[in-house]
């Protein structure tokens, strides 16, 4: 009897081992074998395929990725973007704004008087003195703080941006009342950014 039990066990193990190599019976879901086959085919195709050839140069600049921030706007030139990284109250009754300008276009942009205040044209050359904050509800506009010589308290020496370039810039403004929690940011040559949180 123990020989017949041992023989039955041996046959059962042999059948079990053989059945693992066989495809699933027709009564099982047909989606599982297809997915397995597709996955195996995809793996083979991915492994066997050579890497794609580099795209030929078309004369356009690579799209520059603008850093993430709390607000952003597109520029008048397609592909140029401004991103507000930080807008916060500081000691001394001012607001500090840090932002980036990214040139994702295929031509050089900005520089010179592009971002300056037209009322301070000569002294604002190469600055971001033309940036403004607007409290829509309070109907008040805040200009960049100026020192006793009339120079903006902001980034100076901002040059034109070549395709793919990004520049980090900043400016200080008089602080609006504490009740103002959101404000519109206006950077020359960009769409206004409404409801930017002021921390």
N, C-alpha and C. Protein backbone atom coordinates (compact mmCIF):
# COMPACT_ATOMS: atom_id res chain seq x y z
N UNK A 1 0.81 -1.17 0.00
CA UNK A 1 0.00 0.00 0.00
C UNK A 1 0.87 1.24 0.00
N UNK A 2 1.95 1.26 0.77
CA UNK A 2 2.82 2.42 0.80
C UNK A 2 3.47 2.64 -0.56
N UNK A 3 3.67 1.52 -1.35
CA UNK A 3 4.23 1.67 -2.70
C UNK A 3 3.22 2.38 -3.59
N UNK A 4 1.94 2.06 -3.44
CA UNK A 4 0.93 2.69 -4.29
C UNK A 4 0.74 4.16 -3.91
N UNK A 5 0.86 4.50 -2.61
CA UNK A 5 0.76 5.89 -2.18
C UNK A 5 1.97 6.66 -2.70
N UNK A 6 3.15 6.08 -2.60
CA UNK A 6 4.37 6.72 -3.10
C UNK A 6 4.28 6.91 -4.60
N UNK A 7 3.76 5.89 -5.31
CA UNK A 7 3.61 5.99 -6.76
C UNK A 7 2.61 7.08 -7.12
N UNK A 8 1.50 7.16 -6.40
CA UNK A 8 0.47 8.18 -6.66
C UNK A 8 1.04 9.57 -6.40
N UNK A 9 1.81 9.69 -5.34
CA UNK A 9 2.44 10.98 -5.03
C UNK A 9 3.43 11.38 -6.12
N UNK A 10 4.21 10.43 -6.59
CA UNK A 10 5.19 10.69 -7.64
C UNK A 10 4.49 11.12 -8.93
N UNK A 11 3.41 10.46 -9.26
CA UNK A 11 2.64 10.81 -10.47
C UNK A 11 2.01 12.20 -10.31
N UNK A 12 1.48 12.49 -9.14
CA UNK A 12 0.86 13.80 -8.88
C UNK A 12 1.89 14.92 -9.01
N UNK A 13 3.09 14.72 -8.43
CA UNK A 13 4.15 15.73 -8.52
C UNK A 13 4.58 15.91 -9.97
N UNK A 14 4.72 14.79 -10.70
CA UNK A 14 5.12 14.86 -12.11
C UNK A 14 4.08 15.62 -12.92
N UNK A 15 2.79 15.35 -12.67
CA UNK A 15 1.72 16.05 -13.40
C UNK A 15 1.70 17.54 -13.04
N UNK A 16 1.90 17.84 -11.80
CA UNK A 16 1.92 19.23 -11.37
C UNK A 16 3.07 19.98 -12.02
N UNK A 17 4.24 19.38 -12.08
CA UNK A 17 5.40 20.01 -12.69
C UNK A 17 5.17 20.20 -14.18
N UNK A 18 4.56 19.27 -14.84
CA UNK A 18 4.30 19.38 -16.27
C UNK A 18 3.23 20.42 -16.55
N UNK A 19 2.23 20.52 -15.69
CA UNK A 19 1.13 21.45 -15.94
C UNK A 19 1.58 22.90 -15.81
N UNK A 20 2.66 23.18 -15.10
CA UNK A 20 3.15 24.57 -14.96
C UNK A 20 3.69 25.10 -16.27
N UNK A 21 4.15 24.25 -17.16
CA UNK A 21 4.69 24.69 -18.44
C UNK A 21 3.62 24.80 -19.51
N UNK A 22 2.45 24.27 -19.26
CA UNK A 22 1.39 24.29 -20.24
C UNK A 22 0.63 25.61 -20.17
N UNK A 23 0.05 26.09 -21.30
CA UNK A 23 -0.76 27.31 -21.25
C UNK A 23 -2.01 27.08 -20.43
N UNK A 24 -2.59 28.18 -19.95
CA UNK A 24 -3.80 28.10 -19.12
C UNK A 24 -4.94 27.53 -19.95
N UNK A 25 -5.86 26.78 -19.30
CA UNK A 25 -6.98 26.20 -20.04
C UNK A 25 -7.89 27.30 -20.59
N UNK A 26 -8.68 26.97 -21.58
CA UNK A 26 -9.55 27.91 -22.28
C UNK A 26 -10.61 28.50 -21.35
N UNK A 27 -10.92 27.83 -20.24
CA UNK A 27 -11.96 28.33 -19.34
C UNK A 27 -11.49 29.50 -18.51
N UNK A 28 -10.18 29.76 -18.41
CA UNK A 28 -9.70 30.89 -17.61
C UNK A 28 -9.84 32.18 -18.43
N UNK A 29 -9.67 33.30 -17.77
CA UNK A 29 -9.79 34.60 -18.42
C UNK A 29 -8.76 34.73 -19.53
N UNK A 30 -9.18 35.17 -20.68
CA UNK A 30 -8.25 35.30 -21.79
C UNK A 30 -7.41 36.57 -21.68
N UNK A 31 -7.77 37.50 -20.79
CA UNK A 31 -7.02 38.74 -20.65
C UNK A 31 -5.65 38.49 -20.03
N UNK A 32 -5.55 37.57 -19.08
CA UNK A 32 -4.29 37.33 -18.40
C UNK A 32 -3.23 36.81 -19.36
N UNK A 33 -3.52 35.75 -20.21
CA UNK A 33 -2.47 35.30 -21.11
C UNK A 33 -2.09 36.39 -22.11
N UNK A 34 -3.05 37.17 -22.57
CA UNK A 34 -2.74 38.23 -23.53
C UNK A 34 -1.82 39.26 -22.90
N UNK A 35 -2.12 39.66 -21.66
CA UNK A 35 -1.28 40.64 -20.98
C UNK A 35 0.12 40.09 -20.81
N UNK A 36 0.24 38.81 -20.44
CA UNK A 36 1.55 38.21 -20.27
C UNK A 36 2.29 38.19 -21.59
N UNK A 37 1.59 37.80 -22.66
CA UNK A 37 2.22 37.75 -23.98
C UNK A 37 2.63 39.15 -24.40
N UNK A 38 1.75 40.13 -24.20
CA UNK A 38 2.06 41.50 -24.58
C UNK A 38 3.25 42.02 -23.80
N UNK A 39 3.27 41.75 -22.50
CA UNK A 39 4.38 42.20 -21.67
C UNK A 39 5.69 41.56 -22.14
N UNK A 40 5.65 40.28 -22.46
CA UNK A 40 6.85 39.60 -22.92
C UNK A 40 7.29 40.18 -24.25
N UNK A 41 6.34 40.45 -25.14
CA UNK A 41 6.67 41.02 -26.44
C UNK A 41 7.25 42.42 -26.27
N UNK A 42 6.63 43.22 -25.40
CA UNK A 42 7.12 44.57 -25.17
C UNK A 42 8.52 44.56 -24.61
N UNK A 43 8.78 43.63 -23.69
CA UNK A 43 10.11 43.54 -23.11
C UNK A 43 11.12 43.18 -24.18
N UNK A 44 10.75 42.23 -25.03
CA UNK A 44 11.65 41.82 -26.10
C UNK A 44 11.89 42.97 -27.05
N UNK A 45 10.81 43.68 -27.42
CA UNK A 45 10.95 44.79 -28.35
C UNK A 45 11.79 45.90 -27.74
N UNK A 46 11.58 46.17 -26.47
CA UNK A 46 12.34 47.24 -25.82
C UNK A 46 13.80 46.85 -25.72
N UNK A 47 14.06 45.61 -25.39
CA UNK A 47 15.44 45.17 -25.23
C UNK A 47 16.16 45.12 -26.56
N UNK A 48 15.47 44.67 -27.60
CA UNK A 48 16.11 44.47 -28.89
C UNK A 48 16.21 45.75 -29.71
N UNK A 49 15.34 46.71 -29.50
CA UNK A 49 15.33 47.92 -30.32
C UNK A 49 16.52 48.81 -29.99
N UNK A 50 17.16 49.38 -31.02
CA UNK A 50 18.26 50.30 -30.75
C UNK A 50 17.71 51.62 -30.26
N UNK A 51 18.51 52.44 -29.58
CA UNK A 51 18.02 53.73 -29.10
C UNK A 51 17.66 54.61 -30.29
N UNK A 52 16.64 55.47 -30.12
CA UNK A 52 16.24 56.31 -31.24
C UNK A 52 17.34 57.30 -31.60
N UNK A 53 17.41 57.62 -32.88
CA UNK A 53 18.41 58.57 -33.35
C UNK A 53 18.04 59.96 -32.90
N UNK A 54 19.02 60.80 -32.69
CA UNK A 54 18.76 62.18 -32.27
C UNK A 54 18.03 62.91 -33.38
N UNK A 55 17.09 63.77 -32.98
CA UNK A 55 16.34 64.53 -33.97
C UNK A 55 17.26 65.54 -34.63
N UNK A 56 17.08 65.78 -35.92
CA UNK A 56 17.93 66.75 -36.59
C UNK A 56 17.66 68.16 -36.06
N UNK A 57 18.67 68.99 -36.07
CA UNK A 57 18.52 70.37 -35.60
C UNK A 57 17.61 71.14 -36.53
N UNK A 58 16.69 71.90 -35.95
CA UNK A 58 15.74 72.66 -36.76
C UNK A 58 15.95 74.15 -36.64
N UNK A 59 16.94 74.56 -35.89
CA UNK A 59 17.19 75.98 -35.73
C UNK A 59 16.40 76.59 -34.57
N UNK A 60 15.60 75.79 -33.89
CA UNK A 60 14.86 76.31 -32.74
C UNK A 60 15.57 75.89 -31.47
N UNK A 61 15.40 76.68 -30.46
CA UNK A 61 16.04 76.40 -29.17
C UNK A 61 15.30 75.28 -28.46
N UNK A 62 16.01 74.52 -27.64
CA UNK A 62 15.32 73.51 -26.84
C UNK A 62 14.39 74.21 -25.87
N UNK A 63 13.26 73.61 -25.62
CA UNK A 63 12.30 74.20 -24.68
C UNK A 63 12.92 74.21 -23.30
N UNK A 64 13.10 75.39 -22.75
CA UNK A 64 13.67 75.51 -21.42
C UNK A 64 12.56 75.32 -20.40
N UNK A 65 12.82 74.50 -19.41
CA UNK A 65 11.82 74.25 -18.38
C UNK A 65 11.89 75.34 -17.32
N UNK A 66 10.79 75.99 -17.11
CA UNK A 66 10.73 77.02 -16.09
C UNK A 66 10.54 76.37 -14.73
N UNK A 67 11.25 76.88 -13.72
CA UNK A 67 11.09 76.31 -12.39
C UNK A 67 9.67 76.49 -11.87
N UNK A 68 9.21 75.59 -11.03
CA UNK A 68 7.87 75.69 -10.45
C UNK A 68 7.85 76.82 -9.44
N UNK A 69 6.69 77.42 -9.24
CA UNK A 69 6.57 78.52 -8.30
C UNK A 69 5.14 78.70 -7.85
N UNK A 70 4.82 79.88 -7.32
CA UNK A 70 3.46 80.13 -6.82
C UNK A 70 2.57 80.79 -7.86
N UNK A 71 3.17 81.33 -8.94
CA UNK A 71 2.41 81.93 -10.03
C UNK A 71 3.31 82.00 -11.26
N UNK A 72 2.70 81.99 -12.45
CA UNK A 72 3.48 82.11 -13.67
C UNK A 72 2.65 82.78 -14.75
N UNK A 73 3.34 83.30 -15.75
CA UNK A 73 2.66 83.96 -16.88
C UNK A 73 3.52 83.82 -18.12
N UNK A 74 2.85 83.79 -19.26
CA UNK A 74 3.54 83.75 -20.55
C UNK A 74 3.89 85.16 -20.97
N UNK A 75 4.96 85.28 -21.74
CA UNK A 75 5.40 86.58 -22.21
C UNK A 75 4.80 86.94 -23.55
N UNK A 76 5.07 88.16 -23.99
CA UNK A 76 4.62 88.61 -25.30
C UNK A 76 5.28 87.80 -26.41
N UNK A 77 6.50 87.33 -26.16
CA UNK A 77 7.21 86.47 -27.10
C UNK A 77 6.89 85.02 -26.74
N UNK A 78 6.40 84.28 -27.70
CA UNK A 78 6.03 82.88 -27.47
C UNK A 78 7.21 82.09 -26.92
N UNK A 79 6.96 81.34 -25.83
CA UNK A 79 8.00 80.51 -25.23
C UNK A 79 8.71 81.17 -24.06
N UNK A 80 8.49 82.46 -23.84
CA UNK A 80 9.13 83.16 -22.73
C UNK A 80 8.17 83.15 -21.55
N UNK A 81 8.67 82.85 -20.36
CA UNK A 81 7.80 82.67 -19.19
C UNK A 81 8.43 83.31 -17.96
N UNK A 82 7.56 83.87 -17.10
CA UNK A 82 7.99 84.39 -15.81
C UNK A 82 7.32 83.54 -14.74
N UNK A 83 8.07 83.21 -13.69
CA UNK A 83 7.55 82.40 -12.59
C UNK A 83 7.90 83.09 -11.28
N UNK A 84 6.86 83.39 -10.47
CA UNK A 84 7.08 83.97 -9.15
C UNK A 84 7.40 82.82 -8.20
N UNK A 85 8.58 82.87 -7.63
CA UNK A 85 9.02 81.82 -6.70
C UNK A 85 8.57 82.12 -5.27
N UNK A 86 8.59 83.41 -4.91
CA UNK A 86 8.28 83.78 -3.54
C UNK A 86 7.77 85.22 -3.51
N UNK A 87 6.74 85.46 -2.72
CA UNK A 87 6.20 86.80 -2.49
C UNK A 87 5.83 86.84 -1.02
N UNK A 88 6.69 87.50 -0.21
CA UNK A 88 6.44 87.45 1.23
C UNK A 88 6.78 88.78 1.90
N UNK A 89 6.09 89.00 2.99
CA UNK A 89 6.33 90.19 3.81
C UNK A 89 7.65 90.01 4.54
N UNK A 90 8.38 91.11 4.67
CA UNK A 90 9.66 91.08 5.38
C UNK A 90 9.64 92.16 6.46
N UNK A 91 10.67 92.16 7.28
CA UNK A 91 10.74 93.19 8.32
C UNK A 91 10.96 94.55 7.64
N UNK A 92 10.57 95.59 8.31
CA UNK A 92 10.76 96.93 7.74
C UNK A 92 9.62 97.38 6.86
N UNK A 93 8.52 96.63 6.88
CA UNK A 93 7.35 97.05 6.12
C UNK A 93 7.48 96.91 4.62
N UNK A 94 8.23 95.91 4.18
CA UNK A 94 8.36 95.67 2.74
C UNK A 94 7.90 94.28 2.37
N UNK A 95 7.75 94.07 1.06
CA UNK A 95 7.43 92.76 0.50
C UNK A 95 8.59 92.39 -0.43
N UNK A 96 9.08 91.19 -0.30
CA UNK A 96 10.17 90.69 -1.14
C UNK A 96 9.58 89.74 -2.18
N UNK A 97 9.95 89.96 -3.43
CA UNK A 97 9.50 89.07 -4.50
C UNK A 97 10.72 88.49 -5.20
N UNK A 98 10.77 87.16 -5.27
CA UNK A 98 11.81 86.45 -6.03
C UNK A 98 11.11 85.79 -7.20
N UNK A 99 11.70 85.95 -8.39
CA UNK A 99 11.08 85.35 -9.58
C UNK A 99 12.14 85.00 -10.62
N UNK A 100 11.74 84.21 -11.58
CA UNK A 100 12.64 83.81 -12.67
C UNK A 100 12.01 84.16 -14.00
N UNK A 101 12.86 84.44 -14.96
CA UNK A 101 12.42 84.66 -16.33
C UNK A 101 13.17 83.62 -17.16
N UNK A 102 12.41 82.83 -17.93
CA UNK A 102 12.98 81.76 -18.74
C UNK A 102 12.68 82.01 -20.21
N UNK A 103 13.71 81.93 -21.02
CA UNK A 103 13.55 82.11 -22.47
C UNK A 103 13.50 80.75 -23.14
N UNK A 104 12.30 80.30 -23.45
CA UNK A 104 12.12 79.04 -24.17
C UNK A 104 11.87 79.28 -25.65
N UNK A 105 12.13 80.50 -26.13
CA UNK A 105 11.92 80.81 -27.54
C UNK A 105 13.20 80.53 -28.33
N UNK A 106 13.16 80.83 -29.60
CA UNK A 106 14.33 80.59 -30.44
C UNK A 106 15.10 81.88 -30.73
N UNK A 107 14.77 82.98 -30.01
CA UNK A 107 15.50 84.23 -30.21
C UNK A 107 15.85 84.88 -28.87
N UNK A 108 16.80 85.78 -28.91
CA UNK A 108 17.23 86.50 -27.71
C UNK A 108 16.13 87.48 -27.29
N UNK A 109 15.88 87.58 -25.97
CA UNK A 109 14.84 88.48 -25.46
C UNK A 109 15.32 89.25 -24.24
N UNK A 110 14.61 90.35 -23.92
CA UNK A 110 14.85 91.10 -22.70
C UNK A 110 16.11 91.93 -22.72
N UNK A 111 16.53 92.35 -21.55
CA UNK A 111 17.71 93.17 -21.39
C UNK A 111 17.39 94.64 -21.61
N UNK A 112 18.39 95.48 -21.38
CA UNK A 112 18.22 96.92 -21.58
C UNK A 112 17.13 97.48 -20.69
N UNK A 113 16.16 98.13 -21.31
CA UNK A 113 15.05 98.76 -20.58
C UNK A 113 13.81 97.86 -20.53
N UNK A 114 13.92 96.62 -20.94
CA UNK A 114 12.75 95.74 -21.06
C UNK A 114 11.92 95.63 -19.79
N UNK A 115 12.56 95.55 -18.64
CA UNK A 115 11.84 95.32 -17.39
C UNK A 115 11.89 96.54 -16.46
N UNK A 116 12.41 97.65 -16.96
CA UNK A 116 12.54 98.86 -16.15
C UNK A 116 11.27 99.69 -16.15
N UNK A 117 11.23 100.67 -15.25
CA UNK A 117 10.12 101.61 -15.13
C UNK A 117 10.36 102.73 -16.13
N UNK A 118 9.39 103.02 -16.97
CA UNK A 118 9.53 104.05 -18.01
C UNK A 118 9.79 105.43 -17.41
N UNK A 119 9.33 105.69 -16.18
CA UNK A 119 9.57 106.98 -15.52
C UNK A 119 10.99 107.10 -14.99
N UNK A 120 11.72 106.00 -14.95
CA UNK A 120 13.11 105.99 -14.47
C UNK A 120 14.00 105.32 -15.52
N UNK A 121 13.74 105.66 -16.79
CA UNK A 121 14.35 104.94 -17.90
C UNK A 121 15.87 104.83 -17.82
N UNK A 122 16.56 105.90 -17.63
CA UNK A 122 18.03 105.86 -17.68
C UNK A 122 18.59 105.08 -16.50
N UNK A 123 18.09 105.35 -15.31
CA UNK A 123 18.62 104.70 -14.11
C UNK A 123 18.17 103.23 -14.02
N UNK A 124 17.07 102.88 -14.70
CA UNK A 124 16.56 101.50 -14.64
C UNK A 124 17.12 100.59 -15.73
N UNK A 125 18.09 101.05 -16.49
CA UNK A 125 18.66 100.20 -17.54
C UNK A 125 19.21 98.91 -16.91
N UNK A 126 18.77 97.77 -17.43
CA UNK A 126 19.25 96.47 -16.93
C UNK A 126 18.68 96.07 -15.59
N UNK A 127 17.56 96.67 -15.18
CA UNK A 127 16.96 96.30 -13.89
C UNK A 127 15.54 95.76 -14.10
N UNK A 128 14.93 95.36 -13.00
CA UNK A 128 13.52 94.92 -13.04
C UNK A 128 12.66 95.94 -12.28
N UNK A 129 13.03 97.21 -12.39
CA UNK A 129 12.36 98.29 -11.68
C UNK A 129 10.94 98.57 -12.14
N UNK A 130 10.50 98.00 -13.25
CA UNK A 130 9.15 98.23 -13.75
C UNK A 130 8.11 97.26 -13.24
N UNK A 131 8.52 96.31 -12.40
CA UNK A 131 7.58 95.33 -11.84
C UNK A 131 6.66 96.05 -10.85
N UNK A 132 5.40 95.66 -10.83
CA UNK A 132 4.42 96.30 -9.95
C UNK A 132 3.54 95.26 -9.27
N UNK A 133 3.05 95.62 -8.08
CA UNK A 133 2.03 94.83 -7.38
C UNK A 133 0.76 95.66 -7.38
N UNK A 134 -0.38 95.03 -7.64
CA UNK A 134 -1.64 95.76 -7.67
C UNK A 134 -2.64 95.08 -6.74
N UNK A 135 -3.15 95.88 -5.79
CA UNK A 135 -4.22 95.44 -4.89
C UNK A 135 -5.52 95.83 -5.57
N UNK A 136 -6.16 94.88 -6.25
CA UNK A 136 -7.37 95.16 -7.02
C UNK A 136 -8.50 95.65 -6.12
N UNK A 137 -8.69 94.98 -4.98
CA UNK A 137 -9.79 95.35 -4.08
C UNK A 137 -9.57 96.73 -3.47
N UNK A 138 -8.35 97.02 -3.07
CA UNK A 138 -8.03 98.31 -2.48
C UNK A 138 -7.73 99.39 -3.50
N UNK A 139 -7.71 99.00 -4.78
CA UNK A 139 -7.43 99.93 -5.88
C UNK A 139 -6.14 100.72 -5.66
N UNK A 140 -5.08 99.96 -5.35
CA UNK A 140 -3.79 100.60 -5.09
C UNK A 140 -2.69 99.84 -5.82
N UNK A 141 -1.75 100.60 -6.39
CA UNK A 141 -0.62 100.04 -7.11
C UNK A 141 0.65 100.29 -6.29
N UNK A 142 1.50 99.25 -6.18
CA UNK A 142 2.75 99.35 -5.43
C UNK A 142 3.92 99.22 -6.40
N UNK A 143 4.78 100.24 -6.42
CA UNK A 143 5.96 100.24 -7.27
C UNK A 143 7.16 99.74 -6.48
N UNK A 144 8.20 99.35 -7.19
CA UNK A 144 9.44 98.89 -6.55
C UNK A 144 10.00 100.02 -5.69
N UNK A 145 10.50 99.66 -4.50
CA UNK A 145 11.11 100.62 -3.58
C UNK A 145 12.34 101.22 -4.26
N UNK A 146 12.59 102.51 -4.01
CA UNK A 146 13.74 103.22 -4.57
C UNK A 146 14.61 103.79 -3.44
N UNK A 147 15.92 103.82 -3.69
CA UNK A 147 16.81 104.43 -2.70
C UNK A 147 16.85 105.94 -2.90
N UNK A 148 17.66 106.66 -2.12
CA UNK A 148 17.70 108.13 -2.19
C UNK A 148 18.22 108.64 -3.54
N UNK A 149 18.96 107.80 -4.26
CA UNK A 149 19.47 108.19 -5.59
C UNK A 149 18.47 107.85 -6.69
N UNK A 150 17.34 107.22 -6.32
CA UNK A 150 16.33 106.87 -7.31
C UNK A 150 16.49 105.49 -7.93
N UNK A 151 17.53 104.76 -7.52
CA UNK A 151 17.73 103.39 -8.06
C UNK A 151 16.77 102.44 -7.37
N UNK A 152 16.26 101.49 -8.15
CA UNK A 152 15.33 100.52 -7.58
C UNK A 152 16.06 99.59 -6.63
N UNK A 153 15.35 99.14 -5.61
CA UNK A 153 15.86 98.12 -4.70
C UNK A 153 15.41 96.80 -5.32
N UNK A 154 16.19 96.37 -6.31
CA UNK A 154 15.83 95.20 -7.12
C UNK A 154 17.07 94.72 -7.87
N UNK A 155 16.91 93.66 -8.64
CA UNK A 155 18.02 93.14 -9.44
C UNK A 155 18.49 94.18 -10.45
N UNK A 156 19.80 94.32 -10.55
CA UNK A 156 20.45 95.23 -11.50
C UNK A 156 21.32 94.40 -12.45
N UNK A 157 21.67 94.96 -13.57
CA UNK A 157 22.58 94.28 -14.50
C UNK A 157 21.96 93.08 -15.18
N UNK A 158 20.64 93.11 -15.38
CA UNK A 158 19.96 92.00 -16.07
C UNK A 158 20.21 92.16 -17.57
N UNK A 159 20.82 91.17 -18.17
CA UNK A 159 21.15 91.21 -19.60
C UNK A 159 20.09 90.47 -20.40
N UNK A 160 20.20 90.58 -21.71
CA UNK A 160 19.26 89.84 -22.56
C UNK A 160 19.48 88.34 -22.36
N UNK A 161 18.41 87.58 -22.57
CA UNK A 161 18.45 86.13 -22.38
C UNK A 161 18.54 85.43 -23.73
N UNK A 162 19.53 84.58 -23.86
CA UNK A 162 19.66 83.77 -25.07
C UNK A 162 18.66 82.61 -24.99
N UNK A 163 18.32 81.99 -26.10
CA UNK A 163 17.41 80.84 -26.06
C UNK A 163 17.89 79.78 -25.06
N UNK A 164 16.98 79.35 -24.19
CA UNK A 164 17.28 78.34 -23.18
C UNK A 164 17.77 78.90 -21.85
N UNK A 165 18.04 80.21 -21.78
CA UNK A 165 18.54 80.83 -20.55
C UNK A 165 17.42 81.09 -19.54
N UNK A 166 17.78 81.06 -18.26
CA UNK A 166 16.90 81.45 -17.16
C UNK A 166 17.68 82.38 -16.25
N UNK A 167 17.01 83.45 -15.77
CA UNK A 167 17.65 84.38 -14.85
C UNK A 167 16.81 84.46 -13.58
N UNK A 168 17.48 84.46 -12.43
CA UNK A 168 16.83 84.64 -11.13
C UNK A 168 16.92 86.12 -10.77
N UNK A 169 15.78 86.73 -10.48
CA UNK A 169 15.76 88.15 -10.14
C UNK A 169 14.88 88.39 -8.92
N UNK A 170 14.94 89.62 -8.36
CA UNK A 170 14.18 89.94 -7.15
C UNK A 170 13.84 91.42 -7.15
N UNK A 171 12.88 91.78 -6.32
CA UNK A 171 12.51 93.19 -6.13
C UNK A 171 11.84 93.35 -4.78
N UNK A 172 11.93 94.58 -4.21
CA UNK A 172 11.27 94.90 -2.93
C UNK A 172 10.19 95.95 -3.19
N UNK A 173 9.09 95.82 -2.47
CA UNK A 173 7.94 96.73 -2.60
C UNK A 173 7.51 97.19 -1.22
N UNK A 174 6.81 98.36 -1.14
CA UNK A 174 6.19 98.72 0.13
C UNK A 174 5.11 97.68 0.44
N UNK A 175 4.96 97.32 1.68
CA UNK A 175 3.98 96.28 2.04
C UNK A 175 2.56 96.85 2.05
N UNK A 176 1.63 96.11 1.42
CA UNK A 176 0.23 96.52 1.53
C UNK A 176 -0.29 96.19 2.94
N UNK A 177 -1.48 96.64 3.30
CA UNK A 177 -2.02 96.31 4.63
C UNK A 177 -2.06 94.80 4.86
N UNK A 178 -2.00 94.41 6.15
CA UNK A 178 -2.01 92.98 6.51
C UNK A 178 -3.26 92.26 6.03
N UNK A 179 -4.33 92.99 5.78
CA UNK A 179 -5.58 92.36 5.31
C UNK A 179 -5.46 91.87 3.87
N UNK A 180 -4.47 92.36 3.13
CA UNK A 180 -4.27 91.93 1.73
C UNK A 180 -3.54 90.59 1.77
N UNK A 181 -4.22 89.54 1.35
CA UNK A 181 -3.64 88.19 1.34
C UNK A 181 -3.23 87.73 -0.06
N UNK A 182 -3.85 88.33 -1.09
CA UNK A 182 -3.53 87.99 -2.49
C UNK A 182 -3.41 89.30 -3.25
N UNK A 183 -2.53 89.28 -4.26
CA UNK A 183 -2.24 90.51 -5.01
C UNK A 183 -1.92 90.15 -6.45
N UNK A 184 -2.11 91.11 -7.35
CA UNK A 184 -1.77 90.91 -8.76
C UNK A 184 -0.32 91.35 -8.98
N UNK A 185 0.44 90.54 -9.71
CA UNK A 185 1.84 90.86 -10.02
C UNK A 185 1.92 91.19 -11.51
N UNK A 186 2.53 92.34 -11.82
CA UNK A 186 2.69 92.74 -13.22
C UNK A 186 4.19 92.89 -13.50
N UNK A 187 4.67 92.10 -14.46
CA UNK A 187 6.05 92.19 -14.94
C UNK A 187 5.95 92.68 -16.38
N UNK A 188 6.65 93.76 -16.75
CA UNK A 188 6.56 94.26 -18.12
C UNK A 188 6.81 93.16 -19.17
N UNK A 189 5.98 93.15 -20.19
CA UNK A 189 6.04 92.21 -21.32
C UNK A 189 5.53 90.81 -21.00
N UNK A 190 4.80 90.68 -19.87
CA UNK A 190 4.19 89.40 -19.49
C UNK A 190 2.73 89.65 -19.12
N UNK A 191 1.93 88.61 -19.22
CA UNK A 191 0.53 88.71 -18.79
C UNK A 191 0.49 88.92 -17.28
N UNK A 192 -0.51 89.69 -16.79
CA UNK A 192 -0.62 89.87 -15.34
C UNK A 192 -0.90 88.53 -14.64
N UNK A 193 -0.39 88.40 -13.44
CA UNK A 193 -0.62 87.20 -12.62
C UNK A 193 -1.55 87.62 -11.48
N UNK A 194 -2.80 87.19 -11.56
CA UNK A 194 -3.81 87.56 -10.58
C UNK A 194 -3.80 86.63 -9.37
N UNK A 195 -4.22 87.18 -8.23
CA UNK A 195 -4.43 86.41 -6.99
C UNK A 195 -3.21 85.63 -6.55
N UNK A 196 -2.05 86.25 -6.61
CA UNK A 196 -0.82 85.60 -6.15
C UNK A 196 -0.80 85.68 -4.62
N UNK A 197 -0.64 84.54 -3.92
CA UNK A 197 -0.66 84.57 -2.45
C UNK A 197 0.52 85.35 -1.88
N UNK A 198 0.20 86.19 -0.93
CA UNK A 198 1.19 87.01 -0.24
C UNK A 198 1.34 86.47 1.18
N UNK A 199 2.51 85.93 1.49
CA UNK A 199 2.71 85.32 2.81
C UNK A 199 3.46 86.24 3.75
